[in-house]
């Protein structure tokens, strides 16, 4: 689910997460955002385009639901593609090129270094970005990432439907922090300020 927040504040942030994304967050833990939503999602990934959004950023949730939250008459596994075994085999056995290591299967490359790099016309996106790093591409890349996620999800849902969708990726700076839900907006607001400040940096 995706939406354009009418304003960047704790109320609108939590309203989206609790009601649109149906996060399983009790009202007594986070009071912002109004009433609780359905609380049907048992986990979720959230993406926010701070760079292009200004005071009204786009926000997206990839929320996963399961069992009785999806089907009140649930009595076993559902949603498994008929060709799931072939889907995994196709993905794992696909040949990819790793810098300095030559050709190998996607499965070996993923176990070694994570998702292999994306290529366009045989050229690694990492090389393209490195050559163009002096250009103001942050807005373009941020929007492209948001635009591409639904397609990734659809493709992998049809192939294996295991909840994962990222199979190829450019080099990225990643970090993970454990934050109590009640401090969630403050953490995201700090990240927003850092990202917006980076637009003025020639070295970031």
N, C-alpha and C. Protein backbone atom coordinates (compact mmCIF):
# COMPACT_ATOMS: atom_id res chain seq x y z
N UNK A 1 0.85 -1.17 0.00
CA UNK A 1 0.00 0.00 0.00
C UNK A 1 0.89 1.24 0.00
N UNK A 2 0.48 2.26 -0.74
CA UNK A 2 1.30 3.47 -0.88
C UNK A 2 0.41 4.69 -0.72
N UNK A 3 0.95 5.74 -0.15
CA UNK A 3 0.18 6.97 0.03
C UNK A 3 1.13 8.17 0.07
N UNK A 4 0.58 9.32 -0.20
CA UNK A 4 1.32 10.58 -0.03
C UNK A 4 0.82 11.22 1.26
N UNK A 5 1.70 11.32 2.23
CA UNK A 5 1.29 11.89 3.50
C UNK A 5 0.89 13.34 3.33
N UNK A 6 -0.23 13.76 3.89
CA UNK A 6 -0.64 15.17 3.78
C UNK A 6 0.29 16.12 4.54
N UNK A 7 1.04 15.58 5.48
CA UNK A 7 2.01 16.38 6.24
C UNK A 7 2.98 15.41 6.91
N UNK A 8 4.18 15.91 7.19
CA UNK A 8 5.16 15.08 7.88
C UNK A 8 5.09 15.38 9.37
N UNK A 9 4.37 14.56 10.08
CA UNK A 9 4.27 14.68 11.53
C UNK A 9 3.92 13.32 12.11
N UNK A 10 3.99 13.20 13.43
CA UNK A 10 3.77 11.91 14.08
C UNK A 10 2.37 11.37 13.83
N UNK A 11 1.38 12.24 13.80
CA UNK A 11 0.01 11.78 13.60
C UNK A 11 -0.15 11.10 12.24
N UNK A 12 0.28 11.77 11.17
CA UNK A 12 0.10 11.22 9.82
C UNK A 12 0.97 9.99 9.60
N UNK A 13 2.18 10.00 10.17
CA UNK A 13 3.08 8.85 10.06
C UNK A 13 2.44 7.61 10.67
N UNK A 14 1.94 7.74 11.90
CA UNK A 14 1.36 6.58 12.58
C UNK A 14 -0.02 6.23 12.05
N UNK A 15 -0.74 7.21 11.54
CA UNK A 15 -2.04 6.91 10.93
C UNK A 15 -1.87 5.97 9.74
N UNK A 16 -0.85 6.23 8.92
CA UNK A 16 -0.58 5.35 7.78
C UNK A 16 -0.19 3.96 8.27
N UNK A 17 0.72 3.88 9.22
CA UNK A 17 1.22 2.59 9.67
C UNK A 17 0.13 1.77 10.36
N UNK A 18 -0.69 2.41 11.18
CA UNK A 18 -1.70 1.68 11.93
C UNK A 18 -2.94 1.35 11.10
N UNK A 19 -3.35 2.28 10.25
CA UNK A 19 -4.61 2.07 9.54
C UNK A 19 -4.40 1.56 8.11
N UNK A 20 -3.56 2.22 7.32
CA UNK A 20 -3.35 1.77 5.94
C UNK A 20 -2.53 0.48 5.88
N UNK A 21 -1.43 0.44 6.66
CA UNK A 21 -0.56 -0.73 6.63
C UNK A 21 -1.02 -1.82 7.60
N UNK A 22 -2.01 -1.52 8.42
CA UNK A 22 -2.63 -2.51 9.33
C UNK A 22 -1.63 -3.15 10.29
N UNK A 23 -0.66 -2.35 10.76
CA UNK A 23 0.36 -2.87 11.66
C UNK A 23 -0.24 -3.35 12.98
N UNK A 24 0.35 -4.38 13.53
CA UNK A 24 -0.14 -4.97 14.78
C UNK A 24 0.44 -4.20 15.96
N UNK A 25 -0.02 -2.96 16.12
CA UNK A 25 0.48 -2.09 17.19
C UNK A 25 -0.69 -1.66 18.07
N UNK A 26 -0.69 -2.03 19.34
CA UNK A 26 -1.78 -1.64 20.24
C UNK A 26 -1.83 -0.13 20.44
N UNK A 27 -3.03 0.38 20.63
CA UNK A 27 -3.20 1.82 20.82
C UNK A 27 -2.53 2.35 22.07
N UNK A 28 -2.35 1.50 23.09
CA UNK A 28 -1.73 1.98 24.32
C UNK A 28 -0.21 2.06 24.20
N UNK A 29 0.35 1.52 23.11
CA UNK A 29 1.79 1.61 22.87
C UNK A 29 2.10 2.89 22.09
N UNK A 30 1.30 3.16 21.06
CA UNK A 30 1.45 4.38 20.27
C UNK A 30 0.10 5.06 20.18
N UNK A 31 -0.02 6.23 20.78
CA UNK A 31 -1.30 6.93 20.78
C UNK A 31 -1.50 7.78 19.54
N UNK A 32 -0.42 8.15 18.85
CA UNK A 32 -0.53 8.96 17.64
C UNK A 32 -1.26 8.18 16.54
N UNK A 33 -1.85 8.91 15.61
CA UNK A 33 -2.45 8.26 14.44
C UNK A 33 -3.89 7.85 14.62
N UNK A 34 -4.51 8.23 15.73
CA UNK A 34 -5.92 7.91 15.92
C UNK A 34 -6.13 6.47 16.34
N UNK A 35 -7.28 5.93 15.96
CA UNK A 35 -7.68 4.60 16.38
C UNK A 35 -6.80 3.52 15.76
N UNK A 36 -6.80 2.35 16.39
CA UNK A 36 -6.08 1.22 15.83
C UNK A 36 -6.70 0.81 14.50
N UNK A 37 -5.87 0.23 13.64
CA UNK A 37 -6.39 -0.35 12.42
C UNK A 37 -6.79 -1.79 12.67
N UNK A 38 -6.78 -2.59 11.62
CA UNK A 38 -7.19 -3.99 11.76
C UNK A 38 -6.17 -4.84 12.50
N UNK A 39 -4.91 -4.41 12.53
CA UNK A 39 -3.81 -5.15 13.15
C UNK A 39 -3.63 -6.52 12.52
N UNK A 40 -3.91 -6.63 11.22
CA UNK A 40 -3.81 -7.92 10.53
C UNK A 40 -2.38 -8.23 10.06
N UNK A 41 -1.53 -7.23 9.95
CA UNK A 41 -0.16 -7.47 9.45
C UNK A 41 0.72 -8.00 10.57
N UNK A 42 1.42 -9.08 10.29
CA UNK A 42 2.32 -9.61 11.32
C UNK A 42 3.74 -9.12 11.13
N UNK A 43 4.06 -8.53 9.98
CA UNK A 43 5.31 -7.78 9.83
C UNK A 43 5.17 -6.87 8.62
N UNK A 44 6.07 -5.92 8.51
CA UNK A 44 6.00 -4.99 7.40
C UNK A 44 7.34 -4.31 7.15
N UNK A 45 7.56 -3.96 5.89
CA UNK A 45 8.72 -3.15 5.51
C UNK A 45 8.18 -1.82 5.01
N UNK A 46 8.82 -0.73 5.42
CA UNK A 46 8.34 0.60 5.07
C UNK A 46 9.40 1.36 4.29
N UNK A 47 8.95 2.06 3.27
CA UNK A 47 9.83 2.82 2.40
C UNK A 47 9.28 4.24 2.30
N UNK A 48 10.16 5.24 2.51
CA UNK A 48 9.73 6.63 2.47
C UNK A 48 10.67 7.41 1.55
N UNK A 49 10.09 8.15 0.61
CA UNK A 49 10.87 8.98 -0.32
C UNK A 49 10.99 10.38 0.28
N UNK A 50 11.99 10.55 1.15
CA UNK A 50 12.22 11.85 1.77
C UNK A 50 12.75 12.86 0.75
N UNK A 51 13.58 12.40 -0.16
CA UNK A 51 14.30 13.29 -1.05
C UNK A 51 13.35 14.11 -1.93
N UNK A 52 12.33 13.46 -2.50
CA UNK A 52 11.42 14.16 -3.40
C UNK A 52 10.16 14.68 -2.71
N UNK A 53 9.90 14.22 -1.49
CA UNK A 53 8.62 14.49 -0.87
C UNK A 53 8.46 15.83 -0.19
N UNK A 54 9.58 16.44 0.24
CA UNK A 54 9.44 17.69 0.99
C UNK A 54 8.65 17.48 2.27
N UNK A 55 7.63 18.29 2.49
CA UNK A 55 6.81 18.18 3.70
C UNK A 55 5.69 17.16 3.55
N UNK A 56 5.54 16.58 2.34
CA UNK A 56 4.48 15.59 2.11
C UNK A 56 5.06 14.38 1.38
N UNK A 57 5.93 13.62 2.03
CA UNK A 57 6.61 12.51 1.35
C UNK A 57 5.70 11.33 1.02
N UNK A 58 6.09 10.58 0.00
CA UNK A 58 5.42 9.33 -0.31
C UNK A 58 5.93 8.25 0.63
N UNK A 59 5.01 7.41 1.09
CA UNK A 59 5.37 6.31 1.98
C UNK A 59 4.73 5.03 1.45
N UNK A 60 5.45 3.94 1.56
CA UNK A 60 4.95 2.65 1.05
C UNK A 60 5.18 1.58 2.10
N UNK A 61 4.24 0.66 2.18
CA UNK A 61 4.39 -0.46 3.09
C UNK A 61 4.26 -1.77 2.32
N UNK A 62 5.20 -2.67 2.57
CA UNK A 62 5.09 -4.05 2.07
C UNK A 62 4.76 -4.88 3.30
N UNK A 63 3.48 -5.09 3.54
CA UNK A 63 3.01 -5.76 4.75
C UNK A 63 2.64 -7.21 4.45
N UNK A 64 2.99 -8.08 5.36
CA UNK A 64 2.68 -9.49 5.19
C UNK A 64 1.60 -9.92 6.18
N UNK A 65 0.63 -10.63 5.64
CA UNK A 65 -0.45 -11.15 6.46
C UNK A 65 -0.47 -12.67 6.29
N UNK A 66 -1.01 -13.36 7.27
CA UNK A 66 -0.99 -14.82 7.17
C UNK A 66 -2.14 -15.42 7.96
N UNK A 67 -2.43 -16.64 7.59
CA UNK A 67 -3.38 -17.48 8.32
C UNK A 67 -4.75 -16.82 8.47
N UNK A 68 -5.26 -16.73 9.69
CA UNK A 68 -6.63 -16.28 9.89
C UNK A 68 -6.83 -14.80 9.58
N UNK A 69 -5.76 -14.02 9.55
CA UNK A 69 -5.91 -12.61 9.19
C UNK A 69 -6.24 -12.45 7.72
N UNK A 70 -5.94 -13.47 6.92
CA UNK A 70 -6.23 -13.44 5.49
C UNK A 70 -7.51 -14.21 5.19
N UNK A 71 -7.67 -15.36 5.82
CA UNK A 71 -8.80 -16.23 5.55
C UNK A 71 -9.36 -16.74 6.88
N UNK A 72 -10.57 -16.31 7.25
CA UNK A 72 -11.13 -16.75 8.55
C UNK A 72 -11.32 -18.25 8.64
N UNK A 73 -11.37 -18.94 7.49
CA UNK A 73 -11.54 -20.39 7.48
C UNK A 73 -10.22 -21.11 7.21
N UNK A 74 -9.14 -20.43 7.45
CA UNK A 74 -7.81 -20.99 7.18
C UNK A 74 -7.61 -22.33 7.89
N UNK A 75 -7.19 -23.35 7.15
CA UNK A 75 -6.95 -24.64 7.77
C UNK A 75 -5.67 -25.30 7.23
N UNK A 76 -4.78 -24.50 6.66
CA UNK A 76 -3.53 -25.06 6.16
C UNK A 76 -2.83 -24.10 5.23
N UNK A 77 -1.77 -24.54 4.57
CA UNK A 77 -0.99 -23.68 3.69
C UNK A 77 -1.82 -23.23 2.50
N UNK A 78 -1.58 -21.99 2.06
CA UNK A 78 -2.26 -21.49 0.87
C UNK A 78 -1.34 -20.53 0.14
N UNK A 79 -1.67 -20.26 -1.12
CA UNK A 79 -0.91 -19.30 -1.90
C UNK A 79 0.44 -19.80 -2.38
N UNK A 80 0.65 -21.12 -2.41
CA UNK A 80 1.92 -21.67 -2.88
C UNK A 80 1.84 -21.87 -4.39
N UNK A 81 2.68 -21.21 -5.18
CA UNK A 81 2.64 -21.40 -6.63
C UNK A 81 2.86 -22.87 -7.00
N UNK A 82 2.17 -23.33 -8.04
CA UNK A 82 2.30 -24.72 -8.46
C UNK A 82 3.73 -25.06 -8.86
N UNK A 83 4.43 -24.08 -9.43
CA UNK A 83 5.80 -24.33 -9.91
C UNK A 83 6.84 -23.76 -8.96
N UNK A 84 6.57 -23.79 -7.65
CA UNK A 84 7.48 -23.16 -6.70
C UNK A 84 8.86 -23.82 -6.70
N UNK A 85 8.92 -25.12 -6.85
CA UNK A 85 10.23 -25.81 -6.87
C UNK A 85 11.03 -25.37 -8.08
N UNK A 86 10.36 -25.32 -9.24
CA UNK A 86 11.03 -24.86 -10.45
C UNK A 86 11.44 -23.40 -10.33
N UNK A 87 10.61 -22.60 -9.64
CA UNK A 87 10.92 -21.18 -9.45
C UNK A 87 12.19 -20.97 -8.66
N UNK A 88 12.34 -21.73 -7.58
CA UNK A 88 13.56 -21.63 -6.78
C UNK A 88 14.78 -22.13 -7.57
N UNK A 89 14.59 -23.23 -8.29
CA UNK A 89 15.70 -23.79 -9.06
C UNK A 89 16.17 -22.81 -10.14
N UNK A 90 15.21 -22.17 -10.82
CA UNK A 90 15.57 -21.21 -11.86
C UNK A 90 16.38 -20.06 -11.28
N UNK A 91 15.94 -19.55 -10.15
CA UNK A 91 16.62 -18.42 -9.53
C UNK A 91 18.01 -18.82 -9.02
N UNK A 92 18.12 -19.93 -8.33
CA UNK A 92 19.38 -20.35 -7.73
C UNK A 92 20.43 -20.74 -8.76
N UNK A 93 19.98 -21.32 -9.88
CA UNK A 93 20.92 -21.84 -10.87
C UNK A 93 21.31 -20.84 -11.94
N UNK A 94 20.66 -19.69 -11.97
CA UNK A 94 20.98 -18.69 -13.00
C UNK A 94 22.44 -18.26 -12.87
N UNK A 95 23.14 -18.15 -14.00
CA UNK A 95 24.55 -17.80 -13.98
C UNK A 95 24.72 -16.29 -13.92
N UNK A 96 25.58 -15.84 -13.03
CA UNK A 96 25.87 -14.42 -12.88
C UNK A 96 27.38 -14.23 -12.82
N UNK A 97 27.82 -13.01 -13.14
CA UNK A 97 29.25 -12.70 -13.11
C UNK A 97 29.57 -11.90 -11.85
N UNK A 98 30.57 -12.34 -11.10
CA UNK A 98 31.02 -11.64 -9.91
C UNK A 98 32.40 -11.05 -10.18
N UNK A 99 32.57 -9.77 -9.88
CA UNK A 99 33.85 -9.10 -10.10
C UNK A 99 34.99 -9.86 -9.45
N UNK A 100 35.99 -10.19 -10.26
CA UNK A 100 37.18 -10.85 -9.73
C UNK A 100 37.01 -12.33 -9.47
N UNK A 101 35.81 -12.86 -9.65
CA UNK A 101 35.58 -14.26 -9.34
C UNK A 101 35.04 -15.04 -10.54
N UNK A 102 34.64 -14.33 -11.59
CA UNK A 102 34.13 -15.01 -12.77
C UNK A 102 32.67 -15.38 -12.64
N UNK A 103 32.26 -16.37 -13.43
CA UNK A 103 30.87 -16.80 -13.46
C UNK A 103 30.59 -17.81 -12.33
N UNK A 104 29.40 -17.70 -11.78
CA UNK A 104 28.95 -18.64 -10.76
C UNK A 104 27.43 -18.62 -10.72
N UNK A 105 26.83 -19.53 -10.00
CA UNK A 105 25.38 -19.54 -9.89
C UNK A 105 24.91 -18.40 -9.00
N UNK A 106 23.67 -17.98 -9.20
CA UNK A 106 23.09 -16.92 -8.36
C UNK A 106 23.13 -17.37 -6.90
N UNK A 107 22.82 -18.65 -6.65
CA UNK A 107 22.80 -19.13 -5.28
C UNK A 107 24.14 -18.99 -4.59
N UNK A 108 25.23 -19.31 -5.30
CA UNK A 108 26.57 -19.17 -4.72
C UNK A 108 26.92 -17.71 -4.50
N UNK A 109 26.58 -16.86 -5.47
CA UNK A 109 26.88 -15.44 -5.34
C UNK A 109 26.11 -14.81 -4.18
N UNK A 110 24.85 -15.20 -4.03
CA UNK A 110 24.02 -14.65 -2.96
C UNK A 110 24.53 -15.07 -1.59
N UNK A 111 24.98 -16.32 -1.45
CA UNK A 111 25.52 -16.78 -0.17
C UNK A 111 26.83 -16.09 0.17
N UNK A 112 27.60 -15.76 -0.87
CA UNK A 112 28.91 -15.15 -0.65
C UNK A 112 28.81 -13.66 -0.31
N UNK A 113 28.07 -12.90 -1.13
CA UNK A 113 28.07 -11.44 -1.00
C UNK A 113 26.68 -10.81 -0.91
N UNK A 114 25.64 -11.61 -0.81
CA UNK A 114 24.30 -11.04 -0.84
C UNK A 114 23.80 -10.94 -2.27
N UNK A 115 22.74 -10.15 -2.49
CA UNK A 115 22.14 -10.06 -3.82
C UNK A 115 23.16 -9.57 -4.85
N UNK A 116 23.30 -10.29 -5.97
CA UNK A 116 24.23 -9.86 -7.02
C UNK A 116 23.84 -8.50 -7.58
N UNK A 117 24.79 -7.77 -8.19
CA UNK A 117 24.49 -6.43 -8.70
C UNK A 117 23.56 -6.45 -9.91
N UNK A 118 22.75 -5.41 -10.02
CA UNK A 118 21.87 -5.23 -11.17
C UNK A 118 22.72 -4.84 -12.37
N UNK A 119 22.32 -5.33 -13.55
CA UNK A 119 23.02 -4.95 -14.78
C UNK A 119 22.02 -4.40 -15.79
N UNK A 120 22.47 -3.39 -16.53
CA UNK A 120 21.69 -2.83 -17.63
C UNK A 120 22.53 -2.95 -18.88
N UNK A 121 22.01 -3.69 -19.87
CA UNK A 121 22.74 -3.93 -21.12
C UNK A 121 24.13 -4.49 -20.85
N UNK A 122 24.24 -5.36 -19.84
CA UNK A 122 25.49 -6.01 -19.52
C UNK A 122 26.45 -5.19 -18.68
N UNK A 123 26.05 -3.97 -18.31
CA UNK A 123 26.91 -3.09 -17.51
C UNK A 123 26.35 -2.99 -16.10
N UNK A 124 27.21 -3.17 -15.10
CA UNK A 124 26.74 -3.09 -13.72
C UNK A 124 26.27 -1.68 -13.39
N UNK A 125 25.13 -1.61 -12.71
CA UNK A 125 24.60 -0.32 -12.28
C UNK A 125 25.59 0.38 -11.36
N UNK A 126 26.35 -0.40 -10.56
CA UNK A 126 27.35 0.20 -9.68
C UNK A 126 28.37 1.02 -10.48
N UNK A 127 28.80 0.49 -11.65
CA UNK A 127 29.77 1.20 -12.48
C UNK A 127 29.16 2.47 -13.07
N UNK A 128 27.88 2.38 -13.46
CA UNK A 128 27.20 3.56 -14.01
C UNK A 128 27.09 4.65 -12.96
N UNK A 129 26.69 4.25 -11.75
CA UNK A 129 26.53 5.23 -10.67
C UNK A 129 27.86 5.83 -10.27
N UNK A 130 28.91 5.02 -10.26
CA UNK A 130 30.24 5.53 -9.90
C UNK A 130 30.72 6.57 -10.90
N UNK A 131 30.44 6.31 -12.20
CA UNK A 131 30.86 7.25 -13.24
C UNK A 131 30.06 8.55 -13.18
N UNK A 132 28.84 8.46 -12.64
CA UNK A 132 27.96 9.64 -12.64
C UNK A 132 27.74 10.18 -11.23
N UNK A 133 28.66 9.86 -10.30
CA UNK A 133 28.42 10.21 -8.90
C UNK A 133 28.42 11.71 -8.62
N UNK A 134 28.96 12.50 -9.54
CA UNK A 134 28.94 13.95 -9.35
C UNK A 134 27.61 14.58 -9.77
N UNK A 135 26.77 13.79 -10.42
CA UNK A 135 25.47 14.29 -10.86
C UNK A 135 24.46 14.20 -9.72
N UNK A 136 23.48 15.10 -9.69
CA UNK A 136 22.45 15.07 -8.63
C UNK A 136 21.39 14.00 -8.92
N UNK A 137 21.73 12.76 -8.62
CA UNK A 137 20.85 11.65 -8.96
C UNK A 137 19.99 11.15 -7.80
N UNK A 138 20.15 11.74 -6.63
CA UNK A 138 19.45 11.21 -5.44
C UNK A 138 17.94 11.16 -5.64
N UNK A 139 17.37 12.22 -6.18
CA UNK A 139 15.92 12.25 -6.39
C UNK A 139 15.47 11.20 -7.36
N UNK A 140 16.21 11.04 -8.45
CA UNK A 140 15.86 10.05 -9.47
C UNK A 140 15.93 8.64 -8.90
N UNK A 141 17.00 8.33 -8.16
CA UNK A 141 17.18 6.99 -7.62
C UNK A 141 16.15 6.68 -6.54
N UNK A 142 15.84 7.67 -5.71
CA UNK A 142 14.86 7.45 -4.65
C UNK A 142 13.48 7.14 -5.22
N UNK A 143 13.10 7.90 -6.24
CA UNK A 143 11.80 7.66 -6.88
C UNK A 143 11.78 6.33 -7.62
N UNK A 144 12.89 6.01 -8.31
CA UNK A 144 12.96 4.75 -9.05
C UNK A 144 12.83 3.56 -8.12
N UNK A 145 13.45 3.64 -6.94
CA UNK A 145 13.36 2.55 -5.97
C UNK A 145 11.91 2.32 -5.55
N UNK A 146 11.19 3.39 -5.27
CA UNK A 146 9.78 3.27 -4.87
C UNK A 146 8.94 2.72 -6.02
N UNK A 147 9.23 3.16 -7.24
CA UNK A 147 8.44 2.73 -8.40
C UNK A 147 8.64 1.25 -8.72
N UNK A 148 9.85 0.73 -8.45
CA UNK A 148 10.17 -0.63 -8.85
C UNK A 148 9.70 -1.70 -7.87
N UNK A 149 9.50 -1.34 -6.62
CA UNK A 149 9.18 -2.33 -5.60
C UNK A 149 7.91 -3.14 -5.91
N UNK A 150 6.80 -2.52 -6.32
CA UNK A 150 5.60 -3.33 -6.62
C UNK A 150 5.85 -4.39 -7.67
N UNK A 151 6.64 -4.07 -8.69
CA UNK A 151 6.95 -5.06 -9.72
C UNK A 151 7.78 -6.20 -9.18
N UNK A 152 8.77 -5.89 -8.32
CA UNK A 152 9.57 -6.94 -7.69
C UNK A 152 8.67 -7.90 -6.90
N UNK A 153 7.77 -7.30 -6.11
CA UNK A 153 6.89 -8.10 -5.25
C UNK A 153 6.00 -9.01 -6.09
N UNK A 154 5.39 -8.46 -7.14
CA UNK A 154 4.51 -9.25 -7.99
C UNK A 154 5.25 -10.42 -8.64
N UNK A 155 6.43 -10.12 -9.17
CA UNK A 155 7.21 -11.16 -9.86
C UNK A 155 7.58 -12.30 -8.90
N UNK A 156 8.06 -11.96 -7.71
CA UNK A 156 8.49 -13.01 -6.79
C UNK A 156 7.30 -13.71 -6.13
N UNK A 157 6.16 -13.02 -5.99
CA UNK A 157 4.96 -13.67 -5.46
C UNK A 157 4.49 -14.75 -6.41
N UNK A 158 4.54 -14.45 -7.70
CA UNK A 158 4.12 -15.44 -8.70
C UNK A 158 5.09 -16.60 -8.80
N UNK A 159 6.37 -16.34 -8.50
CA UNK A 159 7.38 -17.38 -8.67
C UNK A 159 7.51 -18.28 -7.45
N UNK A 160 7.64 -17.69 -6.25
CA UNK A 160 7.85 -18.51 -5.05
C UNK A 160 6.97 -18.10 -3.86
N UNK A 161 6.56 -16.84 -3.80
CA UNK A 161 5.64 -16.35 -2.76
C UNK A 161 6.12 -16.69 -1.35
N UNK A 162 7.40 -16.37 -1.07
CA UNK A 162 7.93 -16.64 0.26
C UNK A 162 8.12 -15.38 1.10
N UNK A 163 7.66 -14.25 0.58
CA UNK A 163 7.75 -13.01 1.34
C UNK A 163 8.96 -12.16 1.01
N UNK A 164 9.92 -12.71 0.25
CA UNK A 164 11.12 -11.96 -0.12
C UNK A 164 10.99 -11.51 -1.58
N UNK A 165 11.58 -10.34 -1.89
CA UNK A 165 11.44 -9.87 -3.27
C UNK A 165 12.72 -9.30 -3.86
N UNK A 166 13.73 -9.03 -3.06
CA UNK A 166 14.97 -8.44 -3.57
C UNK A 166 15.94 -9.53 -3.98
N UNK A 167 16.21 -9.66 -5.28
CA UNK A 167 17.13 -10.69 -5.76
C UNK A 167 18.37 -10.12 -6.41
N UNK A 168 18.31 -8.87 -6.88
CA UNK A 168 19.45 -8.16 -7.44
C UNK A 168 19.42 -6.74 -6.88
N UNK A 169 20.59 -6.16 -6.63
CA UNK A 169 20.60 -4.83 -6.04
C UNK A 169 21.92 -4.13 -6.34
N UNK A 170 21.89 -2.79 -6.47
CA UNK A 170 23.15 -2.05 -6.58
C UNK A 170 23.81 -2.00 -5.21
N UNK A 171 25.07 -1.59 -5.18
CA UNK A 171 25.75 -1.43 -3.91
C UNK A 171 24.98 -0.42 -3.06
N UNK A 172 24.81 -0.73 -1.80
CA UNK A 172 24.00 0.14 -0.94
C UNK A 172 24.61 0.21 0.45
N UNK A 173 24.42 1.35 1.09
CA UNK A 173 24.81 1.52 2.49
C UNK A 173 23.60 1.13 3.33
N UNK A 174 23.75 0.10 4.13
CA UNK A 174 22.62 -0.39 4.92
C UNK A 174 22.97 -0.42 6.39
N UNK A 175 21.98 -0.15 7.20
CA UNK A 175 22.17 -0.20 8.64
C UNK A 175 20.85 -0.62 9.27
N UNK A 176 20.93 -1.24 10.42
CA UNK A 176 19.73 -1.69 11.12
C UNK A 176 19.80 -1.25 12.57
N UNK A 177 18.68 -0.75 13.06
CA UNK A 177 18.61 -0.30 14.45
C UNK A 177 17.33 -0.86 15.08
N UNK A 178 17.41 -1.22 16.32
CA UNK A 178 16.23 -1.65 17.06
C UNK A 178 15.69 -0.45 17.83
N UNK A 179 14.47 -0.07 17.51
CA UNK A 179 13.86 1.12 18.10
C UNK A 179 12.50 0.75 18.67
N UNK A 180 12.22 1.17 19.88
CA UNK A 180 10.90 0.93 20.45
C UNK A 180 9.85 1.65 19.60
N UNK A 181 8.68 1.04 19.39
CA UNK A 181 7.66 1.65 18.53
C UNK A 181 7.33 3.10 18.91
N UNK A 182 7.28 3.38 20.19
CA UNK A 182 6.92 4.74 20.61
C UNK A 182 7.96 5.78 20.21
N UNK A 183 9.17 5.33 19.85
CA UNK A 183 10.22 6.25 19.39
C UNK A 183 10.39 6.22 17.87
N UNK A 184 9.48 5.53 17.19
CA UNK A 184 9.61 5.33 15.75
C UNK A 184 9.61 6.61 14.94
N UNK A 185 8.69 7.50 15.22
CA UNK A 185 8.64 8.73 14.41
C UNK A 185 9.87 9.58 14.62
N UNK A 186 10.32 9.70 15.85
CA UNK A 186 11.52 10.51 16.13
C UNK A 186 12.73 9.95 15.38
N UNK A 187 12.84 8.63 15.33
CA UNK A 187 13.95 8.00 14.60
C UNK A 187 13.86 8.30 13.11
N UNK A 188 12.66 8.17 12.54
CA UNK A 188 12.48 8.44 11.11
C UNK A 188 12.64 9.92 10.78
N UNK A 189 12.27 10.77 11.71
CA UNK A 189 12.43 12.21 11.49
C UNK A 189 13.90 12.58 11.45
N UNK A 190 14.70 11.95 12.32
CA UNK A 190 16.15 12.20 12.30
C UNK A 190 16.75 11.73 10.98
N UNK A 191 16.34 10.53 10.53
CA UNK A 191 16.83 10.01 9.25
C UNK A 191 16.45 10.95 8.11
N UNK A 192 15.26 11.47 8.15
CA UNK A 192 14.81 12.42 7.12
C UNK A 192 15.71 13.66 7.08
N UNK A 193 16.03 14.19 8.25
CA UNK A 193 16.88 15.38 8.31
C UNK A 193 18.28 15.10 7.74
N UNK A 194 18.81 13.93 8.06
CA UNK A 194 20.13 13.56 7.55
C UNK A 194 20.10 13.43 6.02
N UNK A 195 19.06 12.78 5.50
CA UNK A 195 18.97 12.60 4.05
C UNK A 195 18.81 13.94 3.34
N UNK A 196 17.97 14.80 3.84
CA UNK A 196 17.77 16.10 3.20
C UNK A 196 19.03 16.94 3.26
N UNK A 197 19.77 16.84 4.37
CA UNK A 197 21.02 17.59 4.48
C UNK A 197 22.06 17.06 3.51
N UNK A 198 22.00 15.78 3.18
CA UNK A 198 22.99 15.18 2.27
C UNK A 198 22.84 15.71 0.85
N UNK A 199 21.71 16.27 0.50
CA UNK A 199 21.51 16.80 -0.86
C UNK A 199 22.47 17.95 -1.15
N UNK A 200 22.95 18.61 -0.12
CA UNK A 200 23.87 19.73 -0.28
C UNK A 200 25.33 19.28 -0.22
N UNK A 201 25.55 17.99 -0.01
CA UNK A 201 26.91 17.49 0.12
C UNK A 201 27.41 16.96 -1.22
N UNK A 202 28.66 17.27 -1.56
CA UNK A 202 29.27 16.77 -2.78
C UNK A 202 30.00 15.44 -2.55
N UNK A 203 30.13 15.06 -1.29
CA UNK A 203 30.90 13.86 -0.97
C UNK A 203 30.03 12.71 -0.46
N UNK A 204 28.77 12.98 -0.11
CA UNK A 204 27.91 11.94 0.49
C UNK A 204 27.60 10.86 -0.53
